[in-house]
Amino acid sequence: MARLYEIWQRAEVSRRLDVLSGFIAMCVAGDDGGRSRLAQLVADADAALSALPPDLVVAWEHLDELVRWADTEWADHPYRPVEARPDEADRQTRDYAKDLRHAALPVGVRDEMGGIELSLEVRFLALCRQPGLDCRTRQDIFYVAGRAAMALDLGHMEAAEREIRRMEQVGSVEQRENRCGTQSLQSSRFHGQRE
């Protein structure tokens, strides 16, 4: 888990660094000193993130210096990037984290995970397109698909495959017929009931 947290932190620094350095690069386009300062800060942050193990404290310090610079020079600039809402920031960071995790895995494992991700997407879309799908079943399909995606994010391929099978059970016609008058997966979890 510590490794996953480190990847998440690296992803967060990288995401914010990319956004802010792009803005500053636009602002210092005609300033050789500004371009040089920006290049040095970004290079130092990248070096800290690429170190083994990554030096996240140093990377954050360089990012903080960029933030202070932007706040001092361009606080009122109409294109000054603002921090994304927490849910959007997490979505963006998750994309960066997936890329970092993907690069750290052996090719065979990456291929296997890619196959599971594709299977999840295809099966999820097929289930959602079924005619006559009631709202509760659709919610359960989304819920279990989210669990499968989370398992893949954590690198647990067996758990992801188990959740994909469970998602198919939830969406099957026989299962829907058997569930008439019963609670959904989500509500049973909230009430502490076992599935």
N, C-alpha and C. Protein backbone atom coordinates (compact mmCIF):
# COMPACT_ATOMS: atom_id res chain seq x y z
N MET A 1 0.81 -1.20 0.00
CA MET A 1 0.00 0.00 0.00
C MET A 1 0.85 1.26 0.00
N ALA A 2 2.02 1.22 0.68
CA ALA A 2 2.88 2.39 0.73
C ALA A 2 3.32 2.76 -0.68
N ARG A 3 3.59 1.76 -1.51
CA ARG A 3 4.01 2.01 -2.89
C ARG A 3 2.90 2.69 -3.67
N LEU A 4 1.66 2.27 -3.47
CA LEU A 4 0.54 2.90 -4.17
C LEU A 4 0.35 4.34 -3.71
N TYR A 5 0.54 4.59 -2.43
CA TYR A 5 0.41 5.96 -1.93
C TYR A 5 1.50 6.84 -2.53
N GLU A 6 2.71 6.31 -2.64
CA GLU A 6 3.81 7.05 -3.25
C GLU A 6 3.49 7.37 -4.71
N ILE A 7 2.93 6.41 -5.43
CA ILE A 7 2.55 6.64 -6.83
C ILE A 7 1.49 7.73 -6.90
N TRP A 8 0.52 7.70 -5.98
CA TRP A 8 -0.53 8.71 -5.98
C TRP A 8 0.07 10.11 -5.73
N GLN A 9 1.00 10.21 -4.77
CA GLN A 9 1.63 11.50 -4.49
C GLN A 9 2.45 11.99 -5.68
N ARG A 10 3.19 11.10 -6.30
CA ARG A 10 3.95 11.48 -7.50
C ARG A 10 3.01 11.98 -8.58
N ALA A 11 1.88 11.29 -8.73
CA ALA A 11 0.91 11.67 -9.76
C ALA A 11 0.33 13.05 -9.47
N GLU A 12 0.05 13.32 -8.19
CA GLU A 12 -0.53 14.62 -7.83
C GLU A 12 0.45 15.75 -8.11
N VAL A 13 1.73 15.56 -7.73
CA VAL A 13 2.73 16.59 -8.01
C VAL A 13 2.88 16.78 -9.51
N SER A 14 2.95 15.68 -10.25
CA SER A 14 3.13 15.76 -11.71
C SER A 14 1.97 16.50 -12.38
N ARG A 15 0.76 16.19 -11.95
CA ARG A 15 -0.42 16.84 -12.54
C ARG A 15 -0.38 18.34 -12.31
N ARG A 16 -0.16 18.74 -11.07
CA ARG A 16 -0.13 20.17 -10.75
C ARG A 16 1.05 20.87 -11.41
N LEU A 17 2.19 20.19 -11.48
CA LEU A 17 3.37 20.75 -12.12
C LEU A 17 3.12 21.00 -13.60
N ASP A 18 2.49 20.05 -14.27
CA ASP A 18 2.19 20.21 -15.70
C ASP A 18 1.29 21.41 -15.96
N VAL A 19 0.24 21.54 -15.17
CA VAL A 19 -0.73 22.62 -15.38
C VAL A 19 -0.08 23.97 -15.12
N LEU A 20 0.59 24.10 -13.98
CA LEU A 20 1.14 25.39 -13.59
C LEU A 20 2.33 25.78 -14.46
N SER A 21 3.19 24.83 -14.79
CA SER A 21 4.35 25.17 -15.62
C SER A 21 3.92 25.57 -17.03
N GLY A 22 2.85 24.99 -17.54
CA GLY A 22 2.33 25.40 -18.85
C GLY A 22 1.85 26.84 -18.82
N PHE A 23 1.16 27.21 -17.75
CA PHE A 23 0.69 28.60 -17.61
C PHE A 23 1.87 29.57 -17.50
N ILE A 24 2.83 29.24 -16.65
CA ILE A 24 3.98 30.13 -16.46
C ILE A 24 4.79 30.23 -17.74
N ALA A 25 4.93 29.14 -18.46
CA ALA A 25 5.66 29.18 -19.74
C ALA A 25 5.02 30.18 -20.70
N MET A 26 3.70 30.24 -20.72
CA MET A 26 3.00 31.20 -21.57
C MET A 26 3.32 32.63 -21.10
N CYS A 27 3.35 32.83 -19.79
CA CYS A 27 3.55 34.18 -19.24
C CYS A 27 4.98 34.68 -19.41
N VAL A 28 5.96 33.79 -19.44
CA VAL A 28 7.37 34.21 -19.54
C VAL A 28 7.94 33.97 -20.94
N ALA A 29 7.07 33.84 -21.92
CA ALA A 29 7.52 33.51 -23.28
C ALA A 29 8.60 34.45 -23.80
N GLY A 30 8.52 35.75 -23.51
CA GLY A 30 9.50 36.70 -24.02
C GLY A 30 10.58 37.07 -23.02
N ASP A 31 10.65 36.35 -21.90
CA ASP A 31 11.58 36.69 -20.81
C ASP A 31 12.58 35.56 -20.64
N ASP A 32 13.83 35.79 -21.10
CA ASP A 32 14.85 34.73 -21.02
C ASP A 32 15.12 34.30 -19.58
N GLY A 33 15.17 35.26 -18.66
CA GLY A 33 15.40 34.93 -17.26
C GLY A 33 14.27 34.11 -16.67
N GLY A 34 13.03 34.48 -17.01
CA GLY A 34 11.88 33.73 -16.54
C GLY A 34 11.83 32.33 -17.10
N ARG A 35 12.14 32.20 -18.38
CA ARG A 35 12.16 30.86 -19.00
C ARG A 35 13.23 29.98 -18.37
N SER A 36 14.39 30.58 -18.09
CA SER A 36 15.47 29.83 -17.47
C SER A 36 15.08 29.38 -16.06
N ARG A 37 14.47 30.28 -15.29
CA ARG A 37 14.05 29.94 -13.93
C ARG A 37 13.01 28.82 -13.97
N LEU A 38 12.04 28.94 -14.88
CA LEU A 38 11.01 27.92 -15.00
C LEU A 38 11.62 26.57 -15.37
N ALA A 39 12.51 26.57 -16.37
CA ALA A 39 13.13 25.31 -16.82
C ALA A 39 13.88 24.64 -15.67
N GLN A 40 14.57 25.45 -14.85
CA GLN A 40 15.34 24.89 -13.73
C GLN A 40 14.42 24.29 -12.67
N LEU A 41 13.35 25.02 -12.33
CA LEU A 41 12.41 24.51 -11.32
C LEU A 41 11.75 23.22 -11.78
N VAL A 42 11.32 23.18 -13.03
CA VAL A 42 10.67 21.97 -13.56
C VAL A 42 11.67 20.81 -13.62
N ALA A 43 12.89 21.10 -14.08
CA ALA A 43 13.91 20.03 -14.16
C ALA A 43 14.22 19.48 -12.77
N ASP A 44 14.34 20.37 -11.79
CA ASP A 44 14.62 19.91 -10.42
C ASP A 44 13.47 19.09 -9.85
N ALA A 45 12.24 19.52 -10.11
CA ALA A 45 11.08 18.76 -9.64
C ALA A 45 11.02 17.39 -10.33
N ASP A 46 11.26 17.37 -11.64
CA ASP A 46 11.25 16.10 -12.38
C ASP A 46 12.34 15.16 -11.87
N ALA A 47 13.53 15.72 -11.58
CA ALA A 47 14.62 14.89 -11.07
C ALA A 47 14.25 14.29 -9.72
N ALA A 48 13.61 15.09 -8.87
CA ALA A 48 13.20 14.58 -7.55
C ALA A 48 12.14 13.48 -7.70
N LEU A 49 11.23 13.66 -8.65
CA LEU A 49 10.19 12.65 -8.87
C LEU A 49 10.76 11.37 -9.50
N SER A 50 11.83 11.50 -10.28
CA SER A 50 12.41 10.35 -10.97
C SER A 50 13.44 9.60 -10.12
N ALA A 51 13.85 10.20 -9.00
CA ALA A 51 14.86 9.56 -8.15
C ALA A 51 14.33 8.24 -7.61
N LEU A 52 15.25 7.36 -7.23
CA LEU A 52 14.87 6.08 -6.63
C LEU A 52 15.39 6.03 -5.21
N PRO A 53 14.56 6.12 -4.21
CA PRO A 53 13.12 6.39 -4.27
C PRO A 53 12.86 7.87 -4.57
N PRO A 54 11.67 8.17 -5.04
CA PRO A 54 11.35 9.57 -5.36
C PRO A 54 11.47 10.45 -4.11
N ASP A 55 12.01 11.66 -4.31
CA ASP A 55 12.12 12.61 -3.21
C ASP A 55 10.91 13.55 -3.29
N LEU A 56 9.80 13.12 -2.71
CA LEU A 56 8.55 13.86 -2.80
C LEU A 56 8.61 15.19 -2.07
N VAL A 57 9.38 15.27 -1.00
CA VAL A 57 9.50 16.53 -0.26
C VAL A 57 10.12 17.60 -1.15
N VAL A 58 11.20 17.26 -1.83
CA VAL A 58 11.87 18.22 -2.72
C VAL A 58 10.96 18.57 -3.90
N ALA A 59 10.28 17.59 -4.46
CA ALA A 59 9.37 17.86 -5.59
C ALA A 59 8.27 18.83 -5.17
N TRP A 60 7.69 18.61 -3.98
CA TRP A 60 6.65 19.52 -3.47
C TRP A 60 7.21 20.92 -3.25
N GLU A 61 8.46 21.01 -2.77
CA GLU A 61 9.08 22.33 -2.54
C GLU A 61 9.19 23.10 -3.86
N HIS A 62 9.59 22.44 -4.93
CA HIS A 62 9.70 23.10 -6.23
C HIS A 62 8.32 23.50 -6.75
N LEU A 63 7.35 22.64 -6.55
CA LEU A 63 5.98 22.98 -6.96
C LEU A 63 5.47 24.17 -6.15
N ASP A 64 5.73 24.18 -4.85
CA ASP A 64 5.32 25.32 -4.02
C ASP A 64 5.97 26.62 -4.47
N GLU A 65 7.22 26.53 -4.90
CA GLU A 65 7.89 27.74 -5.41
C GLU A 65 7.20 28.24 -6.69
N LEU A 66 6.80 27.33 -7.55
CA LEU A 66 6.06 27.72 -8.75
C LEU A 66 4.73 28.37 -8.38
N VAL A 67 4.04 27.81 -7.39
CA VAL A 67 2.76 28.37 -6.95
C VAL A 67 2.97 29.78 -6.42
N ARG A 68 4.00 29.97 -5.57
CA ARG A 68 4.28 31.32 -5.03
C ARG A 68 4.60 32.30 -6.15
N TRP A 69 5.38 31.86 -7.12
CA TRP A 69 5.76 32.70 -8.25
C TRP A 69 4.50 33.14 -9.02
N ALA A 70 3.66 32.17 -9.34
CA ALA A 70 2.43 32.48 -10.07
C ALA A 70 1.51 33.39 -9.25
N ASP A 71 1.43 33.13 -7.94
CA ASP A 71 0.58 33.96 -7.08
C ASP A 71 1.10 35.39 -6.99
N THR A 72 2.41 35.55 -7.00
CA THR A 72 3.02 36.88 -6.89
C THR A 72 2.89 37.66 -8.19
N GLU A 73 3.18 37.01 -9.31
CA GLU A 73 3.26 37.71 -10.59
C GLU A 73 1.93 37.77 -11.35
N TRP A 74 1.13 36.71 -11.24
CA TRP A 74 -0.04 36.61 -12.13
C TRP A 74 -1.32 36.22 -11.38
N ALA A 75 -1.45 36.65 -10.15
CA ALA A 75 -2.62 36.27 -9.34
C ALA A 75 -3.93 36.66 -10.01
N ASP A 76 -3.96 37.81 -10.70
CA ASP A 76 -5.19 38.29 -11.31
C ASP A 76 -5.27 37.98 -12.80
N HIS A 77 -4.35 37.20 -13.31
CA HIS A 77 -4.35 36.85 -14.74
C HIS A 77 -5.61 36.06 -15.06
N PRO A 78 -6.32 36.42 -16.13
CA PRO A 78 -7.57 35.72 -16.44
C PRO A 78 -7.41 34.23 -16.74
N TYR A 79 -6.21 33.81 -17.15
CA TYR A 79 -6.00 32.39 -17.46
C TYR A 79 -5.19 31.67 -16.39
N ARG A 80 -5.03 32.30 -15.24
CA ARG A 80 -4.32 31.67 -14.12
C ARG A 80 -5.10 30.42 -13.73
N PRO A 81 -4.45 29.26 -13.81
CA PRO A 81 -5.20 28.03 -13.46
C PRO A 81 -5.56 28.01 -11.98
N VAL A 82 -6.77 27.59 -11.72
CA VAL A 82 -7.21 27.41 -10.34
C VAL A 82 -7.23 25.91 -10.07
N GLU A 83 -7.07 25.57 -8.82
CA GLU A 83 -7.09 24.15 -8.47
C GLU A 83 -8.47 23.58 -8.76
N ALA A 84 -8.47 22.41 -9.37
CA ALA A 84 -9.73 21.74 -9.72
C ALA A 84 -10.50 21.38 -8.45
N ARG A 85 -11.82 21.21 -8.61
CA ARG A 85 -12.64 20.71 -7.50
C ARG A 85 -12.08 19.36 -7.07
N PRO A 86 -12.27 18.96 -5.81
CA PRO A 86 -11.66 17.72 -5.32
C PRO A 86 -11.97 16.49 -6.19
N ASP A 87 -13.21 16.35 -6.65
CA ASP A 87 -13.53 15.16 -7.45
C ASP A 87 -12.81 15.20 -8.79
N GLU A 88 -12.74 16.38 -9.42
CA GLU A 88 -12.06 16.50 -10.71
C GLU A 88 -10.54 16.33 -10.54
N ALA A 89 -9.99 16.92 -9.46
CA ALA A 89 -8.56 16.76 -9.19
C ALA A 89 -8.22 15.28 -8.99
N ASP A 90 -9.08 14.55 -8.27
CA ASP A 90 -8.84 13.12 -8.07
C ASP A 90 -8.91 12.35 -9.38
N ARG A 91 -9.86 12.70 -10.24
CA ARG A 91 -9.96 12.02 -11.54
C ARG A 91 -8.70 12.25 -12.36
N GLN A 92 -8.22 13.49 -12.38
CA GLN A 92 -7.01 13.81 -13.14
C GLN A 92 -5.80 13.10 -12.54
N THR A 93 -5.69 13.13 -11.21
CA THR A 93 -4.57 12.47 -10.54
C THR A 93 -4.62 10.97 -10.79
N ARG A 94 -5.81 10.40 -10.81
CA ARG A 94 -5.95 8.96 -11.07
C ARG A 94 -5.40 8.61 -12.44
N ASP A 95 -5.65 9.46 -13.44
CA ASP A 95 -5.10 9.20 -14.77
C ASP A 95 -3.57 9.22 -14.75
N TYR A 96 -2.99 10.19 -14.05
CA TYR A 96 -1.53 10.24 -13.93
C TYR A 96 -1.03 8.99 -13.19
N ALA A 97 -1.71 8.63 -12.09
CA ALA A 97 -1.28 7.48 -11.29
C ALA A 97 -1.33 6.19 -12.10
N LYS A 98 -2.37 6.04 -12.92
CA LYS A 98 -2.47 4.85 -13.76
C LYS A 98 -1.28 4.77 -14.71
N ASP A 99 -0.89 5.90 -15.27
CA ASP A 99 0.27 5.92 -16.18
C ASP A 99 1.55 5.56 -15.43
N LEU A 100 1.73 6.11 -14.23
CA LEU A 100 2.92 5.79 -13.44
C LEU A 100 2.95 4.32 -13.05
N ARG A 101 1.81 3.81 -12.58
CA ARG A 101 1.73 2.40 -12.18
C ARG A 101 1.99 1.50 -13.39
N HIS A 102 1.39 1.89 -14.53
CA HIS A 102 1.54 1.11 -15.76
C HIS A 102 3.02 1.01 -16.16
N ALA A 103 3.74 2.14 -16.06
CA ALA A 103 5.15 2.15 -16.45
C ALA A 103 6.01 1.30 -15.52
N ALA A 104 5.59 1.13 -14.27
CA ALA A 104 6.37 0.38 -13.29
C ALA A 104 6.15 -1.13 -13.38
N LEU A 105 5.15 -1.57 -14.12
CA LEU A 105 4.82 -2.99 -14.18
C LEU A 105 5.56 -3.69 -15.31
N PRO A 106 5.88 -4.99 -15.13
CA PRO A 106 6.45 -5.76 -16.23
C PRO A 106 5.46 -5.86 -17.39
N VAL A 107 5.97 -6.05 -18.59
CA VAL A 107 5.14 -6.06 -19.80
C VAL A 107 4.04 -7.11 -19.71
N GLY A 108 4.33 -8.29 -19.23
CA GLY A 108 3.32 -9.35 -19.15
C GLY A 108 2.16 -8.96 -18.23
N VAL A 109 2.49 -8.35 -17.12
CA VAL A 109 1.46 -7.92 -16.17
C VAL A 109 0.63 -6.79 -16.79
N ARG A 110 1.30 -5.85 -17.47
CA ARG A 110 0.59 -4.75 -18.14
C ARG A 110 -0.39 -5.30 -19.16
N ASP A 111 0.06 -6.29 -19.94
CA ASP A 111 -0.82 -6.88 -20.96
C ASP A 111 -2.03 -7.55 -20.32
N GLU A 112 -1.79 -8.28 -19.23
CA GLU A 112 -2.88 -8.96 -18.55
C GLU A 112 -3.88 -7.95 -17.97
N MET A 113 -3.36 -6.89 -17.36
CA MET A 113 -4.24 -5.86 -16.80
C MET A 113 -5.01 -5.15 -17.91
N GLY A 114 -4.35 -4.90 -19.03
CA GLY A 114 -5.02 -4.28 -20.17
C GLY A 114 -6.17 -5.14 -20.67
N GLY A 115 -5.97 -6.44 -20.71
CA GLY A 115 -7.03 -7.35 -21.12
C GLY A 115 -8.21 -7.33 -20.17
N ILE A 116 -7.91 -7.29 -18.87
CA ILE A 116 -8.98 -7.24 -17.87
C ILE A 116 -9.73 -5.91 -17.98
N GLU A 117 -9.01 -4.81 -18.16
CA GLU A 117 -9.65 -3.49 -18.31
C GLU A 117 -10.57 -3.47 -19.52
N LEU A 118 -10.10 -4.03 -20.62
CA LEU A 118 -10.92 -4.09 -21.83
C LEU A 118 -12.16 -4.95 -21.60
N SER A 119 -11.97 -6.10 -20.95
CA SER A 119 -13.09 -6.98 -20.65
C SER A 119 -14.12 -6.27 -19.78
N LEU A 120 -13.65 -5.54 -18.78
CA LEU A 120 -14.55 -4.79 -17.90
C LEU A 120 -15.36 -3.78 -18.70
N GLU A 121 -14.70 -3.03 -19.55
CA GLU A 121 -15.38 -1.99 -20.32
C GLU A 121 -16.42 -2.59 -21.27
N VAL A 122 -16.03 -3.64 -21.99
CA VAL A 122 -16.93 -4.26 -22.96
C VAL A 122 -18.15 -4.86 -22.25
N ARG A 123 -17.91 -5.60 -21.19
CA ARG A 123 -19.01 -6.25 -20.48
C ARG A 123 -19.91 -5.22 -19.80
N PHE A 124 -19.32 -4.18 -19.24
CA PHE A 124 -20.10 -3.12 -18.59
C PHE A 124 -21.03 -2.46 -19.61
N LEU A 125 -20.48 -2.09 -20.76
CA LEU A 125 -21.31 -1.44 -21.79
C LEU A 125 -22.40 -2.37 -22.30
N ALA A 126 -22.07 -3.65 -22.47
CA ALA A 126 -23.07 -4.61 -22.94
C ALA A 126 -24.21 -4.74 -21.93
N LEU A 127 -23.87 -4.79 -20.65
CA LEU A 127 -24.91 -4.90 -19.63
C LEU A 127 -25.78 -3.64 -19.59
N CYS A 128 -25.16 -2.48 -19.70
CA CYS A 128 -25.91 -1.22 -19.63
C CYS A 128 -26.85 -1.04 -20.83
N ARG A 129 -26.56 -1.71 -21.92
CA ARG A 129 -27.39 -1.58 -23.12
C ARG A 129 -28.54 -2.57 -23.17
N GLN A 130 -28.65 -3.42 -22.17
CA GLN A 130 -29.74 -4.40 -22.17
C GLN A 130 -31.08 -3.69 -22.08
N PRO A 131 -32.03 -4.12 -22.89
CA PRO A 131 -33.36 -3.49 -22.80
C PRO A 131 -34.05 -3.89 -21.50
N GLY A 132 -34.84 -3.00 -20.99
CA GLY A 132 -35.64 -3.29 -19.81
C GLY A 132 -34.86 -3.33 -18.51
N LEU A 133 -33.68 -2.74 -18.49
CA LEU A 133 -32.87 -2.73 -17.28
C LEU A 133 -33.45 -1.74 -16.28
N ASP A 134 -33.83 -2.22 -15.10
CA ASP A 134 -34.43 -1.30 -14.12
C ASP A 134 -33.34 -0.46 -13.44
N CYS A 135 -33.78 0.61 -12.81
CA CYS A 135 -32.87 1.58 -12.22
C CYS A 135 -31.99 0.96 -11.14
N ARG A 136 -32.57 0.14 -10.29
CA ARG A 136 -31.82 -0.48 -9.20
C ARG A 136 -30.72 -1.39 -9.74
N THR A 137 -31.05 -2.19 -10.75
CA THR A 137 -30.05 -3.08 -11.33
C THR A 137 -28.94 -2.28 -12.00
N ARG A 138 -29.32 -1.22 -12.70
CA ARG A 138 -28.32 -0.36 -13.35
C ARG A 138 -27.38 0.23 -12.29
N GLN A 139 -27.91 0.68 -11.16
CA GLN A 139 -27.07 1.22 -10.09
C GLN A 139 -26.12 0.16 -9.55
N ASP A 140 -26.63 -1.06 -9.40
CA ASP A 140 -25.79 -2.14 -8.91
C ASP A 140 -24.67 -2.48 -9.90
N ILE A 141 -24.99 -2.44 -11.19
CA ILE A 141 -23.96 -2.70 -12.21
C ILE A 141 -22.88 -1.63 -12.13
N PHE A 142 -23.27 -0.37 -12.02
CA PHE A 142 -22.29 0.72 -11.89
C PHE A 142 -21.44 0.52 -10.63
N TYR A 143 -22.09 0.16 -9.54
CA TYR A 143 -21.39 -0.03 -8.28
C TYR A 143 -20.34 -1.13 -8.38
N VAL A 144 -20.72 -2.28 -8.91
CA VAL A 144 -19.79 -3.41 -9.00
C VAL A 144 -18.70 -3.12 -10.03
N ALA A 145 -19.04 -2.44 -11.12
CA ALA A 145 -18.02 -2.05 -12.10
C ALA A 145 -17.00 -1.12 -11.46
N GLY A 146 -17.47 -0.21 -10.61
CA GLY A 146 -16.55 0.67 -9.89
C GLY A 146 -15.62 -0.10 -8.97
N ARG A 147 -16.14 -1.13 -8.33
CA ARG A 147 -15.29 -1.98 -7.48
C ARG A 147 -14.23 -2.69 -8.32
N ALA A 148 -14.62 -3.16 -9.51
CA ALA A 148 -13.65 -3.83 -10.38
C ALA A 148 -12.57 -2.86 -10.83
N ALA A 149 -12.97 -1.64 -11.19
CA ALA A 149 -12.00 -0.62 -11.61
C ALA A 149 -11.05 -0.27 -10.47
N MET A 150 -11.59 -0.18 -9.25
CA MET A 150 -10.76 0.12 -8.09
C MET A 150 -9.76 -1.02 -7.84
N ALA A 151 -10.21 -2.24 -7.99
CA ALA A 151 -9.31 -3.37 -7.80
C ALA A 151 -8.16 -3.32 -8.81
N LEU A 152 -8.47 -2.94 -10.05
CA LEU A 152 -7.41 -2.81 -11.06
C LEU A 152 -6.46 -1.67 -10.70
N ASP A 153 -7.01 -0.56 -10.21
CA ASP A 153 -6.16 0.56 -9.80
C ASP A 153 -5.17 0.12 -8.72
N LEU A 154 -5.61 -0.78 -7.85
CA LEU A 154 -4.76 -1.27 -6.78
C LEU A 154 -3.88 -2.44 -7.21
N GLY A 155 -4.04 -2.89 -8.46
CA GLY A 155 -3.22 -3.96 -8.98
C GLY A 155 -3.69 -5.35 -8.59
N HIS A 156 -4.94 -5.49 -8.15
CA HIS A 156 -5.48 -6.79 -7.74
C HIS A 156 -6.31 -7.37 -8.89
N MET A 157 -5.64 -8.09 -9.77
CA MET A 157 -6.31 -8.60 -10.97
C MET A 157 -7.35 -9.67 -10.65
N GLU A 158 -7.04 -10.53 -9.66
CA GLU A 158 -8.00 -11.58 -9.31
C GLU A 158 -9.29 -10.96 -8.76
N ALA A 159 -9.14 -9.95 -7.92
CA ALA A 159 -10.33 -9.29 -7.36
C ALA A 159 -11.11 -8.60 -8.47
N ALA A 160 -10.41 -8.00 -9.43
CA ALA A 160 -11.09 -7.34 -10.54
C ALA A 160 -11.89 -8.35 -11.36
N GLU A 161 -11.29 -9.50 -11.64
CA GLU A 161 -12.01 -10.53 -12.41
C GLU A 161 -13.21 -11.06 -11.63
N ARG A 162 -13.06 -11.20 -10.33
CA ARG A 162 -14.17 -11.65 -9.48
C ARG A 162 -15.32 -10.63 -9.54
N GLU A 163 -14.99 -9.35 -9.49
CA GLU A 163 -16.02 -8.31 -9.55
C GLU A 163 -16.68 -8.25 -10.92
N ILE A 164 -15.93 -8.54 -11.97
CA ILE A 164 -16.52 -8.58 -13.32
C ILE A 164 -17.55 -9.70 -13.40
N ARG A 165 -17.20 -10.87 -12.87
CA ARG A 165 -18.16 -11.99 -12.85
C ARG A 165 -19.39 -11.61 -12.03
N ARG A 166 -19.17 -10.96 -10.91
CA ARG A 166 -20.28 -10.53 -10.05
C ARG A 166 -21.16 -9.51 -10.79
N MET A 167 -20.54 -8.61 -11.54
CA MET A 167 -21.29 -7.62 -12.31
C MET A 167 -22.18 -8.31 -13.33
N GLU A 168 -21.64 -9.35 -13.98
CA GLU A 168 -22.44 -10.08 -14.96
C GLU A 168 -23.62 -10.79 -14.29
N GLN A 169 -23.39 -11.31 -13.09
CA GLN A 169 -24.49 -11.94 -12.35
C GLN A 169 -25.58 -10.92 -12.04
N VAL A 170 -25.18 -9.75 -11.59
CA VAL A 170 -26.13 -8.70 -11.25
C VAL A 170 -26.97 -8.32 -12.46
N GLY A 171 -26.35 -8.28 -13.62
CA GLY A 171 -27.04 -7.85 -14.82
C GLY A 171 -27.75 -8.94 -15.59
N SER A 172 -27.58 -10.19 -15.16
CA SER A 172 -28.22 -11.27 -15.90
C SER A 172 -29.73 -11.25 -15.69
N VAL A 173 -30.47 -11.71 -16.69
CA VAL A 173 -31.94 -11.71 -16.64
C VAL A 173 -32.42 -12.57 -15.49
N GLU A 174 -31.82 -13.76 -15.30
CA GLU A 174 -32.26 -14.65 -14.23
C GLU A 174 -32.06 -13.99 -12.87
N GLN A 175 -30.94 -13.34 -12.71
CA GLN A 175 -30.65 -12.68 -11.44
C GLN A 175 -31.66 -11.57 -11.18
N ARG A 176 -31.99 -10.79 -12.22
CA ARG A 176 -32.96 -9.70 -12.05
C ARG A 176 -34.32 -10.25 -11.63
N GLU A 177 -34.70 -11.39 -12.25
CA GLU A 177 -35.98 -11.98 -11.90
C GLU A 177 -35.98 -12.48 -10.47
N ASN A 178 -34.85 -13.02 -10.01
CA ASN A 178 -34.75 -13.53 -8.64
C ASN A 178 -34.69 -12.41 -7.61
N ARG A 179 -34.35 -11.21 -8.03
CA ARG A 179 -34.17 -10.12 -7.09
C ARG A 179 -35.43 -9.30 -6.87
N CYS A 180 -36.49 -9.62 -7.52
CA CYS A 180 -37.73 -8.84 -7.35
C CYS A 180 -38.09 -8.80 -5.87
N GLY A 181 -38.28 -7.59 -5.37
CA GLY A 181 -38.67 -7.42 -3.97
C GLY A 181 -37.53 -7.51 -2.99
N THR A 182 -36.28 -7.63 -3.47
CA THR A 182 -35.14 -7.67 -2.55
C THR A 182 -34.38 -6.37 -2.63
N GLN A 183 -33.50 -6.16 -1.65
CA GLN A 183 -32.72 -4.94 -1.62
C GLN A 183 -31.61 -4.99 -2.66
N SER A 184 -31.16 -3.81 -3.07
CA SER A 184 -30.03 -3.73 -3.99
C SER A 184 -28.73 -4.04 -3.25
N LEU A 185 -27.66 -4.25 -4.00
CA LEU A 185 -26.35 -4.51 -3.40
C LEU A 185 -25.91 -3.34 -2.54
N GLN A 186 -26.12 -2.14 -3.03
CA GLN A 186 -25.68 -0.97 -2.28
C GLN A 186 -26.44 -0.83 -0.98
N SER A 187 -27.76 -0.93 -1.03
CA SER A 187 -28.53 -0.73 0.19
C SER A 187 -28.26 -1.83 1.19
N SER A 188 -28.01 -3.07 0.73
CA SER A 188 -27.70 -4.14 1.68
C SER A 188 -26.39 -3.89 2.37
N ARG A 189 -25.45 -3.27 1.68
CA ARG A 189 -24.18 -2.93 2.31
C ARG A 189 -24.38 -1.89 3.40
N PHE A 190 -25.22 -0.90 3.12
CA PHE A 190 -25.45 0.15 4.09
C PHE A 190 -26.13 -0.39 5.34
N HIS A 191 -26.89 -1.46 5.21
CA HIS A 191 -27.61 -2.02 6.35
C HIS A 191 -26.83 -3.16 7.00
N GLY A 192 -25.59 -3.36 6.55
CA GLY A 192 -24.73 -4.36 7.17
C GLY A 192 -25.08 -5.79 6.82
N GLN A 193 -25.87 -6.00 5.76
CA GLN A 193 -26.25 -7.36 5.40
C GLN A 193 -25.21 -7.95 4.46
N ARG A 194 -25.06 -9.23 4.53
CA ARG A 194 -24.14 -9.93 3.63
C ARG A 194 -24.84 -10.20 2.33
N GLU A 195 -24.03 -10.26 1.26
CA GLU A 195 -24.61 -10.55 -0.07
C GLU A 195 -24.70 -12.03 -0.25
